[in-house]
Amino acid sequence: MNAPTVDDDPHRTPGSGPGRSPRTLLVAPGRHGAYRTIGAALRDAPDGSVISVADGSYPETFELLDRSLTVRAVDGATVLLDGSGGDWPVLDVRGGSLVLEGIDVRADLAALRAENANVTVERCSLTARTGPAISVRGCPRFAVRRCRISGSAQGIVVESSSGRIDDTSIDDVASDGVVVGLGADPEIRNCVISGCGQRGIYVYQYARPVIEACDISRTTGAGIAVAHHSRPVVRRTRVRDVQDVGITFGPGCAGSVEGCQLDNTAEPAIEVAEGATPTVTEPAQRPAATGDVGLDDLLTELDGMVGLAAVKAEVRALVDEIQVNEWRRRAGLPVGGVSHHLIFAGAPGTGKTTVARTYGKLLKALGVLARGQFREVSRRDLVGQYIGHTAEKTTQVFEAARGGVLFIDEAYTLSRQAGSGGDFGQEVIDTLVKLMEDHRDEVAVIAAGYTDEMTGFLAVNPGLASRFSKTLEFENYTPEDLLQIIGRMVADGDYLMDDEARPVLLDYFGRISRDANFGNARDARRLFEGVRKAQSQRLRALGRVPDVLELRTVTAEDVRAAST
């Protein structure tokens, strides 16, 4: 197997210039008018050209010296660049730039080696039996996106370079998954690294990578090892099921570990050697299911909800008033009466039920409510079938809610038909007015519904409005809020969202938010279910078993399919 050197030729016809599009050369063995080999196309290609490769296995290797080229598979084609058996890289790029898209590369020594070049590798599958699948050194800019690396001695080696590794899976490597050294500062995001014979990520010799939202598992060595005065930033990354410690910092190293999750690792989960000075911020610990949640934790939970700035401020003001009243009571000072009953007004899907649950927990943490339990009811749970039955039924529901929150959803339906024959909604309201006054310190009643309808609800009984201390207005979520909400759904489901999907989502949410039947977070949930279905259909049509990254990634195509 030969390895042709393709360098600048002063006699080469320029392929691009003012007003000209890049030249495209087709490689398709057996097709008239097309090149039989990639090497032949490369020799004829002017700088800036695109080499478009049809289905097939190509036993070729190349040295590219100071060239600027794109090599990509024809849409839907399976292209294998097979350099196995050679003791040199399949693609050896020095200077210039290379974009490699949709190509499978099989090598012994290295699939791609780049020095002092700008390289982009996207949607490629690479393996190198005795060396790194990808090696970049001295590269001012590189990008590895949505690739799969497996069966290699090492995954990706980055030295003295800047760039990004995104949405890439690295598995079944004999040594380290990713090596970052010699001052390199790449960003490594949303990558899955597993099955490494040594470390998941090894950072050495003054390197400064950002490692964010990655999943590292099944390594023989540490999940992440930091050495030789390196300073990585590790954020929201999970390290699990490793034989050694989760993250280790050697002497003289610094950096930070922020909000990471470490499960089933050797002890200590994070090992810091003498002389190392990293900043470690552990993720918030979830309380045990049987234990009480503290006031500060509940307020943090409230603040973590998307949007709802005015509602959060109102709830905090209520908490502050209750807390200060308790301090005054302990000091022997007079305290005014405070009603804990509230009106939650706004469109569906704006978080009213979630806030009501948290409000009950806050009242329990403050000592106002004995149990803080949450009871959600609607008209059918309160209205009886005959005279006298409604008051009895409403009282039973109220008694069951004592010590916690009674949340009446769509409360305006109790007044909508008041006065009509055979309707007992008014009887529910009259019964509630008396019970709320008699037991105002034992229960918090929250009546929820559309803003205009709730105004009518409060008008049907002279004493009803006075029983509620405040109305909290839940505004519609903005498109940006809904993007954040669906982003959390994606993360909670262990999915990844590609960057191209975000503007599609914003456009969709911008359109539906103007609809009279806009469902806010309910519409976001409905869309996410549709996106999952669209992704399933797309992956099923591949005709093969998808890899882990493909199973996790939802695309703009999936969003468009779900939103039409």
Protein backbone atom coordinates (compact mmCIF):
# COMPACT_ATOMS: atom_id res chain seq x y z
CA MET A 1 0.00 0.00 0.00
CA ASN A 2 1.48 3.35 -0.95
CA ALA A 3 1.09 6.67 0.82
CA PRO A 4 1.12 9.39 -1.81
CA THR A 5 2.25 12.85 -0.80
CA VAL A 6 -0.12 15.54 -2.02
CA ASP A 7 1.45 18.99 -1.75
CA ASP A 8 1.12 22.41 -3.35
CA ASP A 9 1.77 22.43 -7.11
CA PRO A 10 2.54 25.84 -8.66
CA HIS A 11 1.01 24.62 -11.91
CA ARG A 12 -2.27 23.51 -10.29
CA THR A 13 -5.36 25.21 -11.67
CA PRO A 14 -6.90 27.38 -8.92
CA GLY A 15 -10.22 25.99 -7.78
CA SER A 16 -11.75 29.03 -6.22
CA GLY A 17 -11.62 32.73 -6.60
CA PRO A 18 -13.87 35.75 -6.66
CA GLY A 19 -17.35 34.65 -7.66
CA ARG A 20 -16.46 30.94 -7.97
CA SER A 21 -17.81 28.06 -5.88
CA PRO A 22 -15.45 25.36 -4.57
CA ARG A 23 -14.83 22.59 -7.05
CA THR A 24 -16.34 19.16 -6.29
CA LEU A 25 -14.65 15.96 -7.45
CA LEU A 26 -16.60 12.70 -7.30
CA VAL A 27 -14.91 9.43 -6.37
CA ALA A 28 -17.01 6.45 -7.48
CA PRO A 29 -15.21 3.33 -8.77
CA GLY A 30 -16.89 1.90 -11.85
CA ARG A 31 -18.81 5.06 -12.66
CA HIS A 32 -17.92 6.82 -15.90
CA GLY A 33 -16.60 10.33 -15.44
CA ALA A 34 -15.73 9.79 -11.77
CA TYR A 35 -12.41 9.14 -10.11
CA ARG A 36 -11.62 5.54 -9.20
CA THR A 37 -9.55 6.40 -6.11
CA ILE A 38 -9.49 9.16 -3.53
CA GLY A 39 -5.77 9.63 -4.17
CA ALA A 40 -6.36 10.39 -7.86
CA ALA A 41 -8.98 12.99 -6.95
CA LEU A 42 -6.67 14.58 -4.39
CA ARG A 43 -3.89 14.97 -6.94
CA ASP A 44 -6.19 16.87 -9.30
CA ALA A 45 -8.03 18.88 -6.65
CA PRO A 46 -7.22 22.57 -6.30
CA ASP A 47 -7.19 24.03 -2.80
CA GLY A 48 -10.68 24.59 -1.45
CA SER A 49 -12.07 21.59 -3.30
CA VAL A 50 -14.58 19.06 -2.00
CA ILE A 51 -13.82 15.36 -2.59
CA SER A 52 -17.17 13.58 -2.59
CA VAL A 53 -16.79 9.82 -2.05
CA ALA A 54 -19.36 7.19 -3.01
CA ASP A 55 -20.04 3.84 -1.29
CA GLY A 56 -17.09 1.52 -1.01
CA SER A 57 -13.90 0.44 0.75
CA TYR A 58 -10.80 2.39 -0.24
CA PRO A 59 -7.42 0.82 0.71
CA GLU A 60 -5.52 4.13 0.63
CA THR A 61 -3.41 6.34 2.90
CA PHE A 62 -2.35 9.95 2.39
CA GLU A 63 0.04 12.68 3.39
CA LEU A 64 -1.47 16.13 2.93
CA LEU A 65 1.08 18.96 3.07
CA ASP A 66 -0.24 22.53 3.33
CA ARG A 67 -3.47 21.69 1.52
CA SER A 68 -7.01 22.97 2.15
CA LEU A 69 -9.54 20.27 1.30
CA THR A 70 -12.84 18.69 2.30
CA VAL A 71 -13.33 14.92 2.03
CA ARG A 72 -16.87 13.78 2.66
CA ALA A 73 -19.08 10.79 2.01
CA VAL A 74 -21.90 11.13 -0.49
CA ASP A 75 -25.20 11.48 1.37
CA GLY A 76 -26.28 8.05 2.61
CA ALA A 77 -23.03 6.37 1.54
CA THR A 78 -20.91 4.07 3.71
CA VAL A 79 -17.28 4.87 3.01
CA LEU A 80 -14.35 2.98 4.58
CA LEU A 81 -10.87 4.40 4.28
CA ASP A 82 -8.88 1.27 5.10
CA GLY A 83 -5.24 1.77 6.01
CA SER A 84 -4.84 -1.34 8.14
CA GLY A 85 -1.56 -3.16 7.60
CA GLY A 86 0.46 0.03 7.24
CA ASP A 87 2.90 1.40 9.81
CA TRP A 88 2.00 5.04 9.10
CA PRO A 89 -1.16 7.12 9.64
CA VAL A 90 -4.04 6.74 7.21
CA LEU A 91 -4.35 10.52 7.07
CA ASP A 92 -1.22 12.51 7.87
CA VAL A 93 -2.04 16.23 7.73
CA ARG A 94 0.72 18.82 8.09
CA GLY A 95 -0.19 22.46 7.64
CA GLY A 96 -3.25 23.72 5.78
CA SER A 97 -6.70 22.43 6.66
CA LEU A 98 -8.81 19.31 6.28
CA VAL A 99 -12.51 18.67 6.81
CA LEU A 100 -13.42 14.98 7.06
CA GLU A 101 -17.14 14.15 7.12
CA GLY A 102 -19.00 10.85 7.33
CA ILE A 103 -15.95 8.64 6.67
CA ASP A 104 -15.02 5.42 8.51
CA VAL A 105 -11.26 5.15 8.99
CA ARG A 106 -9.47 1.94 9.93
CA ALA A 107 -5.79 2.03 10.82
CA ASP A 108 -2.99 0.25 12.61
CA LEU A 109 -0.78 3.16 13.69
CA ALA A 110 -3.18 6.15 13.61
CA ALA A 111 -6.40 6.99 11.78
CA LEU A 112 -5.70 10.75 11.64
CA ARG A 113 -2.54 12.62 12.64
CA ALA A 114 -2.52 16.40 12.27
CA GLU A 115 0.32 18.82 13.00
CA ASN A 116 0.14 22.62 12.70
CA ALA A 117 -3.11 22.33 10.75
CA ASN A 118 -6.79 23.19 11.12
CA VAL A 119 -8.82 19.99 11.08
CA THR A 120 -12.50 19.18 11.47
CA VAL A 121 -13.70 15.59 11.86
CA GLU A 122 -17.47 15.12 11.88
CA ARG A 123 -19.73 12.05 11.93
CA CYS A 124 -16.78 9.73 11.42
CA SER A 125 -16.00 6.33 12.92
CA LEU A 126 -12.31 5.75 13.60
CA THR A 127 -10.16 2.96 14.96
CA ALA A 128 -6.39 2.48 15.27
CA ARG A 129 -5.12 -0.85 16.55
CA THR A 130 -1.70 0.22 17.87
CA GLY A 131 -1.96 4.00 18.24
CA PRO A 132 -4.35 6.91 18.79
CA ALA A 133 -7.41 7.14 16.58
CA ILE A 134 -6.92 10.93 16.35
CA SER A 135 -3.73 12.82 17.21
CA VAL A 136 -3.49 16.62 16.96
CA ARG A 137 -0.34 18.54 17.80
CA GLY A 138 0.36 22.24 17.43
CA CYS A 139 -3.02 22.81 15.79
CA PRO A 140 -4.41 26.34 16.25
CA ARG A 141 -7.94 25.08 15.66
CA PHE A 142 -9.49 21.63 15.52
CA ALA A 143 -12.96 20.14 15.97
CA VAL A 144 -14.16 16.59 16.53
CA ARG A 145 -17.95 16.37 16.43
CA ARG A 146 -20.40 13.46 16.66
CA CYS A 147 -17.73 10.85 16.04
CA ARG A 148 -17.29 7.32 17.34
CA ILE A 149 -13.89 5.94 18.33
CA SER A 150 -13.48 2.30 19.34
CA GLY A 151 -11.02 -0.55 19.35
CA SER A 152 -7.97 1.75 19.48
CA ALA A 153 -4.84 1.84 21.61
CA GLN A 154 -5.77 5.42 22.56
CA GLY A 155 -8.80 7.52 21.73
CA ILE A 156 -7.84 11.16 21.07
CA VAL A 157 -4.47 12.75 21.86
CA VAL A 158 -4.34 16.56 21.95
CA GLU A 159 -1.02 18.36 22.48
CA SER A 160 -0.27 22.10 22.22
CA SER A 161 -3.60 22.67 20.46
CA SER A 162 -6.91 24.52 20.83
CA GLY A 163 -10.27 23.23 19.72
CA ARG A 164 -13.36 21.25 20.65
CA ILE A 165 -14.44 17.65 21.09
CA ASP A 166 -18.25 17.48 21.13
CA ASP A 167 -20.87 14.72 21.31
CA THR A 168 -18.30 12.00 20.67
CA SER A 169 -18.19 8.47 22.06
CA ILE A 170 -14.92 6.71 22.89
CA ASP A 171 -15.04 3.09 23.99
CA ASP A 172 -13.00 -0.09 24.12
CA VAL A 173 -9.55 1.54 24.08
CA ALA A 174 -6.49 -0.23 25.45
CA SER A 175 -5.00 2.85 27.12
CA ASP A 176 -6.40 6.34 27.78
CA GLY A 177 -9.65 7.59 26.29
CA VAL A 178 -8.51 11.21 25.85
CA VAL A 179 -5.02 12.60 26.46
CA VAL A 180 -4.57 16.37 26.78
CA GLY A 181 -1.05 17.70 27.25
CA LEU A 182 1.70 20.25 26.57
CA GLY A 183 -0.40 23.31 27.35
CA ALA A 184 -3.40 22.28 25.23
CA ASP A 185 -6.72 23.91 26.12
CA PRO A 186 -9.52 22.10 24.25
CA GLU A 187 -13.17 22.07 25.26
CA ILE A 188 -14.52 18.53 25.74
CA ARG A 189 -18.31 18.50 25.98
CA ASN A 190 -21.12 15.94 25.99
CA CYS A 191 -18.78 13.02 25.37
CA VAL A 192 -19.22 9.42 26.49
CA ILE A 193 -15.97 7.66 27.42
CA SER A 194 -16.07 4.04 28.57
CA GLY A 195 -14.10 0.82 28.60
CA CYS A 196 -10.56 2.25 28.93
CA GLY A 197 -7.57 0.12 29.89
CA GLN A 198 -6.06 3.07 31.75
CA ARG A 199 -7.66 6.49 32.40
CA GLY A 200 -10.77 8.04 30.93
CA ILE A 201 -9.13 11.46 30.48
CA TYR A 202 -5.45 12.12 31.23
CA VAL A 203 -4.42 15.78 31.57
CA TYR A 204 -0.70 16.55 31.85
CA GLN A 205 2.09 19.13 31.33
CA TYR A 206 0.35 22.49 31.93
CA ALA A 207 -2.81 21.58 30.01
CA ARG A 208 -5.99 23.62 30.63
CA PRO A 209 -8.97 21.77 29.14
CA VAL A 210 -12.63 22.40 29.90
CA ILE A 211 -14.43 19.09 30.50
CA GLU A 212 -18.18 19.56 30.66
CA ALA A 213 -21.27 17.31 30.76
CA CYS A 214 -19.31 14.15 29.97
CA ASP A 215 -19.99 10.58 31.13
CA ILE A 216 -16.90 8.51 32.03
CA SER A 217 -17.20 4.88 33.08
CA ARG A 218 -15.49 1.47 33.24
CA THR A 219 -11.88 2.61 33.39
CA THR A 220 -9.07 0.61 34.97
CA GLY A 221 -7.33 3.79 36.10
CA ALA A 222 -8.82 7.05 37.36
CA GLY A 223 -11.79 8.50 35.56
CA ILE A 224 -9.89 11.80 35.18
CA ALA A 225 -6.20 12.09 36.10
CA VAL A 226 -4.49 15.50 36.30
CA ALA A 227 -0.68 15.79 36.42
CA HIS A 228 2.33 18.08 35.86
CA HIS A 229 0.92 21.50 36.83
CA SER A 230 -2.24 21.22 34.75
CA ARG A 231 -5.40 23.26 35.47
CA PRO A 232 -8.57 21.68 34.04
CA VAL A 233 -12.10 22.90 34.60
CA VAL A 234 -14.43 19.92 35.12
CA ARG A 235 -18.15 20.74 35.17
CA ARG A 236 -21.31 18.65 35.50
CA THR A 237 -19.48 15.48 34.56
CA ARG A 238 -20.32 12.01 35.81
CA VAL A 239 -17.61 9.47 36.68
CA ARG A 240 -18.90 6.02 37.57
CA ASP A 241 -17.99 2.35 37.84
CA VAL A 242 -14.21 2.90 37.66
CA GLN A 243 -11.63 0.70 39.38
CA ASP A 244 -9.50 3.60 40.62
CA VAL A 245 -10.50 6.95 42.14
CA GLY A 246 -12.93 9.15 40.25
CA ILE A 247 -10.76 12.26 39.81
CA THR A 248 -7.14 12.70 40.92
CA PHE A 249 -4.94 15.82 41.06
CA GLY A 250 -1.17 15.44 41.26
CA PRO A 251 1.27 17.79 43.06
CA GLY A 252 1.32 21.34 41.70
CA CYS A 253 -1.98 20.96 39.85
CA ALA A 254 -4.98 23.26 40.20
CA GLY A 255 -8.25 23.90 38.37
CA SER A 256 -11.79 23.21 39.50
CA VAL A 257 -14.40 20.47 39.86
CA GLU A 258 -17.93 21.88 39.75
CA GLY A 259 -21.17 19.97 40.29
CA CYS A 260 -19.82 16.57 39.27
CA GLN A 261 -21.32 13.21 40.20
CA LEU A 262 -19.05 10.35 41.22
CA ASP A 263 -20.55 6.89 41.74
CA ASN A 264 -18.98 3.51 42.52
CA THR A 265 -15.35 4.63 42.47
CA ALA A 266 -12.42 3.79 44.73
CA GLU A 267 -11.94 5.98 47.79
CA PRO A 268 -11.49 8.88 47.92
CA ALA A 269 -13.75 9.76 45.04
CA ILE A 270 -11.67 12.91 44.46
CA GLU A 271 -8.00 12.53 45.38
CA VAL A 272 -5.92 15.68 45.88
CA ALA A 273 -2.18 15.23 46.39
CA GLU A 274 -0.14 17.43 48.70
CA GLY A 275 0.67 20.66 46.87
CA ALA A 276 -2.37 20.49 44.59
CA THR A 277 -4.91 23.33 44.92
CA PRO A 278 -8.06 22.58 42.91
CA THR A 279 -11.40 24.10 43.87
CA VAL A 280 -14.00 21.39 44.43
CA THR A 281 -17.68 22.32 44.52
CA GLU A 282 -19.78 19.25 45.18
CA PRO A 283 -23.28 18.96 43.68
CA ALA A 284 -26.24 19.56 45.94
CA GLN A 285 -27.12 16.36 47.75
CA ARG A 286 -30.69 15.15 47.50
CA PRO A 287 -32.25 14.51 50.91
CA ALA A 288 -33.27 11.00 51.83
CA ALA A 289 -36.83 10.22 50.84
CA THR A 290 -37.87 9.71 54.44
CA GLY A 291 -36.16 12.80 55.86
CA ASP A 292 -37.34 16.39 56.18
CA VAL A 293 -36.04 19.02 53.78
CA GLY A 294 -34.55 22.19 55.25
CA LEU A 295 -35.89 25.68 54.56
CA ASP A 296 -32.78 26.77 52.64
CA ASP A 297 -32.91 23.66 50.46
CA LEU A 298 -36.56 24.33 49.63
CA LEU A 299 -35.83 27.95 48.73
CA THR A 300 -33.00 26.76 46.51
CA GLU A 301 -35.43 24.34 44.87
CA LEU A 302 -37.86 27.21 44.33
CA ASP A 303 -35.15 29.42 42.81
CA GLY A 304 -34.15 26.59 40.49
CA MET A 305 -37.54 26.60 38.75
CA VAL A 306 -37.54 28.09 35.26
CA GLY A 307 -38.98 31.61 34.97
CA LEU A 308 -41.66 32.67 37.48
CA ALA A 309 -39.59 35.58 38.83
CA ALA A 310 -42.58 37.46 40.28
CA VAL A 311 -44.07 34.31 41.83
CA LYS A 312 -40.75 33.37 43.45
CA ALA A 313 -40.45 36.88 44.91
CA GLU A 314 -43.99 36.69 46.36
CA VAL A 315 -43.39 33.28 47.95
CA ARG A 316 -40.11 34.47 49.44
CA ALA A 317 -41.87 37.53 50.85
CA LEU A 318 -44.45 35.26 52.50
CA VAL A 319 -41.69 33.09 53.95
CA ASP A 320 -39.88 36.16 55.28
CA GLU A 321 -43.05 37.45 56.94
CA ILE A 322 -43.81 34.10 58.57
CA GLN A 323 -40.20 33.72 59.79
CA VAL A 324 -40.10 37.22 61.30
CA ASN A 325 -43.48 36.69 62.96
CA GLU A 326 -42.12 33.57 64.61
CA TRP A 327 -39.09 35.47 65.88
CA ARG A 328 -41.40 38.21 67.26
CA ARG A 329 -43.55 35.59 68.97
CA ARG A 330 -40.49 34.07 70.66
CA ALA A 331 -39.45 37.56 71.78
CA GLY A 332 -42.87 38.16 73.38
CA LEU A 333 -43.87 40.78 70.80
CA PRO A 334 -47.35 41.01 69.30
CA VAL A 335 -47.94 39.20 66.00
CA GLY A 336 -50.74 39.92 63.53
CA GLY A 337 -52.83 37.16 62.02
CA VAL A 338 -51.58 35.78 58.73
CA SER A 339 -53.69 33.79 56.30
CA HIS A 340 -51.88 31.12 54.32
CA HIS A 341 -54.65 30.72 51.75
CA LEU A 342 -53.67 31.85 48.23
CA ILE A 343 -55.07 32.34 44.74
CA PHE A 344 -52.87 31.06 41.90
CA ALA A 345 -54.01 32.73 38.67
CA GLY A 346 -52.71 32.03 35.18
CA ALA A 347 -52.83 29.79 32.14
CA PRO A 348 -52.31 26.00 32.32
CA GLY A 349 -48.78 24.63 32.38
CA THR A 350 -47.23 27.58 34.22
CA GLY A 351 -46.04 25.67 37.26
CA LYS A 352 -48.91 26.35 39.67
CA THR A 353 -49.09 22.78 41.00
CA THR A 354 -45.31 22.55 41.43
CA VAL A 355 -45.14 25.83 43.35
CA ALA A 356 -48.10 24.77 45.51
CA ARG A 357 -46.29 21.58 46.53
CA THR A 358 -43.16 23.53 47.42
CA TYR A 359 -45.24 26.08 49.35
CA GLY A 360 -46.65 23.31 51.53
CA LYS A 361 -43.15 22.02 52.28
CA LEU A 362 -42.00 25.55 53.14
CA LEU A 363 -44.88 25.99 55.59
CA LYS A 364 -43.97 22.70 57.23
CA ALA A 365 -40.29 23.70 57.46
CA LEU A 366 -41.37 26.97 59.10
CA GLY A 367 -43.47 25.07 61.65
CA VAL A 368 -46.76 26.49 60.34
CA LEU A 369 -48.21 23.21 59.07
CA ALA A 370 -47.94 19.94 60.93
CA ARG A 371 -47.43 17.60 57.98
CA GLY A 372 -47.10 19.65 54.79
CA GLN A 373 -48.84 17.00 52.69
CA PHE A 374 -50.37 17.97 49.34
CA ARG A 375 -53.95 17.14 48.34
CA GLU A 376 -55.05 18.12 44.83
CA VAL A 377 -58.77 18.12 44.05
CA SER A 378 -61.16 19.40 41.40
CA ARG A 379 -64.90 20.05 41.20
CA ARG A 380 -65.86 16.38 40.96
CA ASP A 381 -64.05 15.62 44.25
CA LEU A 382 -66.12 18.25 46.11
CA VAL A 383 -69.60 18.29 44.59
CA GLY A 384 -72.14 15.75 45.81
CA GLN A 385 -75.11 14.14 44.08
CA TYR A 386 -77.94 15.26 46.35
CA ILE A 387 -78.87 17.94 48.89
CA GLY A 388 -76.60 17.73 51.93
CA HIS A 389 -74.09 15.43 50.22
CA THR A 390 -71.91 18.31 48.90
CA ALA A 391 -71.24 19.84 52.33
CA GLU A 392 -70.41 16.41 53.72
CA LYS A 393 -68.10 15.55 50.83
CA THR A 394 -66.31 18.94 50.94
CA THR A 395 -65.79 18.65 54.69
CA GLN A 396 -64.30 15.17 54.34
CA VAL A 397 -61.82 16.41 51.73
CA PHE A 398 -60.93 19.41 53.87
CA GLU A 399 -60.37 17.25 56.97
CA ALA A 400 -58.04 14.95 55.00
CA ALA A 401 -55.99 17.99 53.96
CA ARG A 402 -55.55 19.44 57.47
CA GLY A 403 -51.90 19.84 58.34
CA GLY A 404 -51.03 20.43 54.67
CA VAL A 405 -52.13 22.05 51.41
CA LEU A 406 -55.54 21.69 49.77
CA PHE A 407 -55.03 22.58 46.11
CA ILE A 408 -58.27 23.17 44.17
CA ASP A 409 -57.53 23.09 40.45
CA GLU A 410 -59.83 24.98 38.08
CA ALA A 411 -61.65 26.35 41.12
CA TYR A 412 -63.69 28.71 38.93
CA THR A 413 -65.76 25.72 37.76
CA LEU A 414 -67.42 25.77 41.18
CA SER A 415 -68.94 29.16 40.44
CA ARG A 416 -69.48 28.86 36.70
CA GLN A 417 -72.85 27.13 37.06
CA ALA A 418 -73.83 28.48 40.44
CA GLY A 419 -77.55 29.13 40.67
CA SER A 420 -78.54 26.64 37.97
CA GLY A 421 -80.86 23.85 38.94
CA GLY A 422 -79.22 20.77 40.38
CA ASP A 423 -75.75 22.34 40.69
CA PHE A 424 -74.06 22.33 44.09
CA GLY A 425 -70.91 24.34 43.32
CA GLN A 426 -72.15 27.26 45.37
CA GLU A 427 -72.61 24.93 48.33
CA VAL A 428 -68.95 23.90 48.04
CA ILE A 429 -67.87 27.54 48.15
CA ASP A 430 -70.08 28.38 51.14
CA THR A 431 -68.76 25.34 53.03
CA LEU A 432 -65.14 26.19 52.24
CA VAL A 433 -65.54 29.79 53.45
CA LYS A 434 -66.53 28.59 56.93
CA LEU A 435 -63.92 25.81 57.13
CA MET A 436 -61.09 28.10 55.98
CA GLU A 437 -61.90 30.55 58.75
CA ASP A 438 -62.37 27.92 61.46
CA HIS A 439 -59.10 26.14 60.62
CA ARG A 440 -56.97 28.90 59.09
CA ASP A 441 -53.89 27.86 61.07
CA GLU A 442 -54.20 24.18 60.20
CA VAL A 443 -54.44 24.14 56.42
CA ALA A 444 -53.42 26.20 53.40
CA VAL A 445 -56.07 26.35 50.68
CA ILE A 446 -54.82 27.28 47.22
CA ALA A 447 -57.44 27.91 44.54
CA ALA A 448 -56.06 27.89 40.99
CA GLY A 449 -57.34 28.74 37.53
CA TYR A 450 -57.39 31.22 34.64
CA THR A 451 -56.98 34.86 35.71
CA ASP A 452 -60.34 36.21 34.46
CA GLU A 453 -62.33 33.21 35.68
CA MET A 454 -60.76 33.41 39.15
CA THR A 455 -61.98 37.00 39.47
CA GLY A 456 -65.53 35.73 38.95
CA PHE A 457 -64.92 32.91 41.41
CA LEU A 458 -64.00 35.32 44.20
CA ALA A 459 -67.14 37.38 43.59
CA VAL A 460 -69.69 34.62 44.26
CA ASN A 461 -69.47 34.78 48.08
CA PRO A 462 -68.98 37.99 50.07
CA GLY A 463 -66.52 36.34 52.46
CA LEU A 464 -64.51 34.33 49.93
CA ALA A 465 -62.09 37.02 48.76
CA SER A 466 -61.20 37.97 52.35
CA ARG A 467 -60.17 34.39 53.13
CA PHE A 468 -57.31 34.54 50.60
CA SER A 469 -54.37 36.69 51.61
CA LYS A 470 -52.92 37.19 48.15
CA THR A 471 -53.23 36.42 44.44
CA LEU A 472 -50.09 35.18 42.71
CA GLU A 473 -50.12 35.75 38.96
CA PHE A 474 -48.37 33.04 36.93
CA GLU A 475 -47.33 34.56 33.60
CA ASN A 476 -46.86 32.54 30.44
CA TYR A 477 -43.40 31.14 29.85
CA THR A 478 -41.29 32.87 27.19
CA PRO A 479 -39.85 30.85 24.28
CA GLU A 480 -36.47 31.05 26.04
CA ASP A 481 -38.03 29.65 29.24
CA LEU A 482 -39.58 26.79 27.29
CA LEU A 483 -36.25 26.05 25.62
CA GLN A 484 -34.72 25.77 29.09
CA ILE A 485 -37.59 23.54 30.26
CA ILE A 486 -37.26 21.14 27.35
CA GLY A 487 -33.49 21.22 27.84
CA ARG A 488 -34.02 19.87 31.35
CA MET A 489 -36.32 17.17 30.01
CA VAL A 490 -33.61 16.21 27.52
CA ALA A 491 -30.95 16.04 30.25
CA ASP A 492 -33.19 14.16 32.69
CA GLY A 493 -33.86 11.56 30.01
CA ASP A 494 -30.10 11.17 29.35
CA TYR A 495 -30.43 12.64 25.86
CA LEU A 496 -28.26 15.20 24.10
CA MET A 497 -29.57 18.01 21.91
CA ASP A 498 -27.48 19.15 18.96
CA ASP A 499 -26.90 22.88 18.50
CA GLU A 500 -28.96 23.05 15.29
CA ALA A 501 -32.09 21.99 17.19
CA ARG A 502 -32.16 25.03 19.48
CA PRO A 503 -33.18 27.70 16.92
CA VAL A 504 -35.85 25.32 15.58
CA LEU A 505 -37.27 24.95 19.08
CA LEU A 506 -37.21 28.71 19.69
CA ASP A 507 -39.06 29.33 16.44
CA TYR A 508 -41.68 26.69 17.31
CA PHE A 509 -42.24 28.03 20.84
CA GLY A 510 -42.44 31.57 19.47
CA ARG A 511 -45.26 30.49 17.14
CA ILE A 512 -47.34 28.47 19.60
CA SER A 513 -47.02 31.05 22.40
CA ARG A 514 -49.30 33.35 20.37
CA ASP A 515 -52.06 30.72 20.22
CA ALA A 516 -55.12 31.18 22.43
CA ASN A 517 -54.79 27.57 23.65
CA PHE A 518 -51.09 27.85 24.51
CA GLY A 519 -50.27 25.17 27.11
CA ASN A 520 -46.85 26.44 28.28
CA ALA A 521 -44.82 23.62 29.89
CA ARG A 522 -47.50 21.10 28.91
CA ASP A 523 -46.80 21.93 25.27
CA ALA A 524 -43.06 21.53 25.94
CA ARG A 525 -43.69 18.11 27.47
CA ARG A 526 -45.90 17.13 24.54
CA LEU A 527 -43.23 18.25 22.07
CA PHE A 528 -40.50 16.34 23.89
CA GLU A 529 -42.53 13.14 23.68
CA GLY A 530 -42.96 13.80 19.97
CA VAL A 531 -39.23 14.42 19.54
CA ARG A 532 -38.45 11.10 21.22
CA LYS A 533 -40.87 9.35 18.89
CA ALA A 534 -39.34 11.06 15.83
CA GLN A 535 -35.83 10.10 16.97
CA SER A 536 -36.95 6.48 17.39
CA GLN A 537 -38.37 6.40 13.87
CA ARG A 538 -35.22 7.97 12.42
CA LEU A 539 -32.89 5.53 14.19
CA ARG A 540 -35.05 2.54 13.31
CA ALA A 541 -34.71 3.48 9.63
CA LEU A 542 -30.90 3.31 9.78
CA GLY A 543 -30.98 -0.42 9.14
CA ARG A 544 -28.39 -1.07 11.86
CA VAL A 545 -28.02 -0.84 15.62
CA PRO A 546 -27.23 2.79 16.54
CA ASP A 547 -24.22 3.56 18.70
CA VAL A 548 -24.55 5.10 22.17
CA LEU A 549 -24.11 8.67 20.94
CA GLU A 550 -26.77 8.23 18.28
CA LEU A 551 -29.16 6.80 20.86
CA ARG A 552 -28.64 9.84 23.07
CA THR A 553 -28.74 12.60 20.43
CA VAL A 554 -31.91 14.38 19.29
CA THR A 555 -31.51 16.52 16.18
CA ALA A 556 -33.12 19.47 14.46
CA GLU A 557 -34.65 16.92 12.09
CA ASP A 558 -36.38 15.24 15.05
CA VAL A 559 -37.72 18.57 16.31
CA ARG A 560 -39.06 19.53 12.88
CA ALA A 561 -40.77 16.15 12.54
CA ALA A 562 -42.40 16.52 15.97
CA SER A 563 -43.49 20.15 15.50
CA THR A 564 -45.23 19.87 12.13
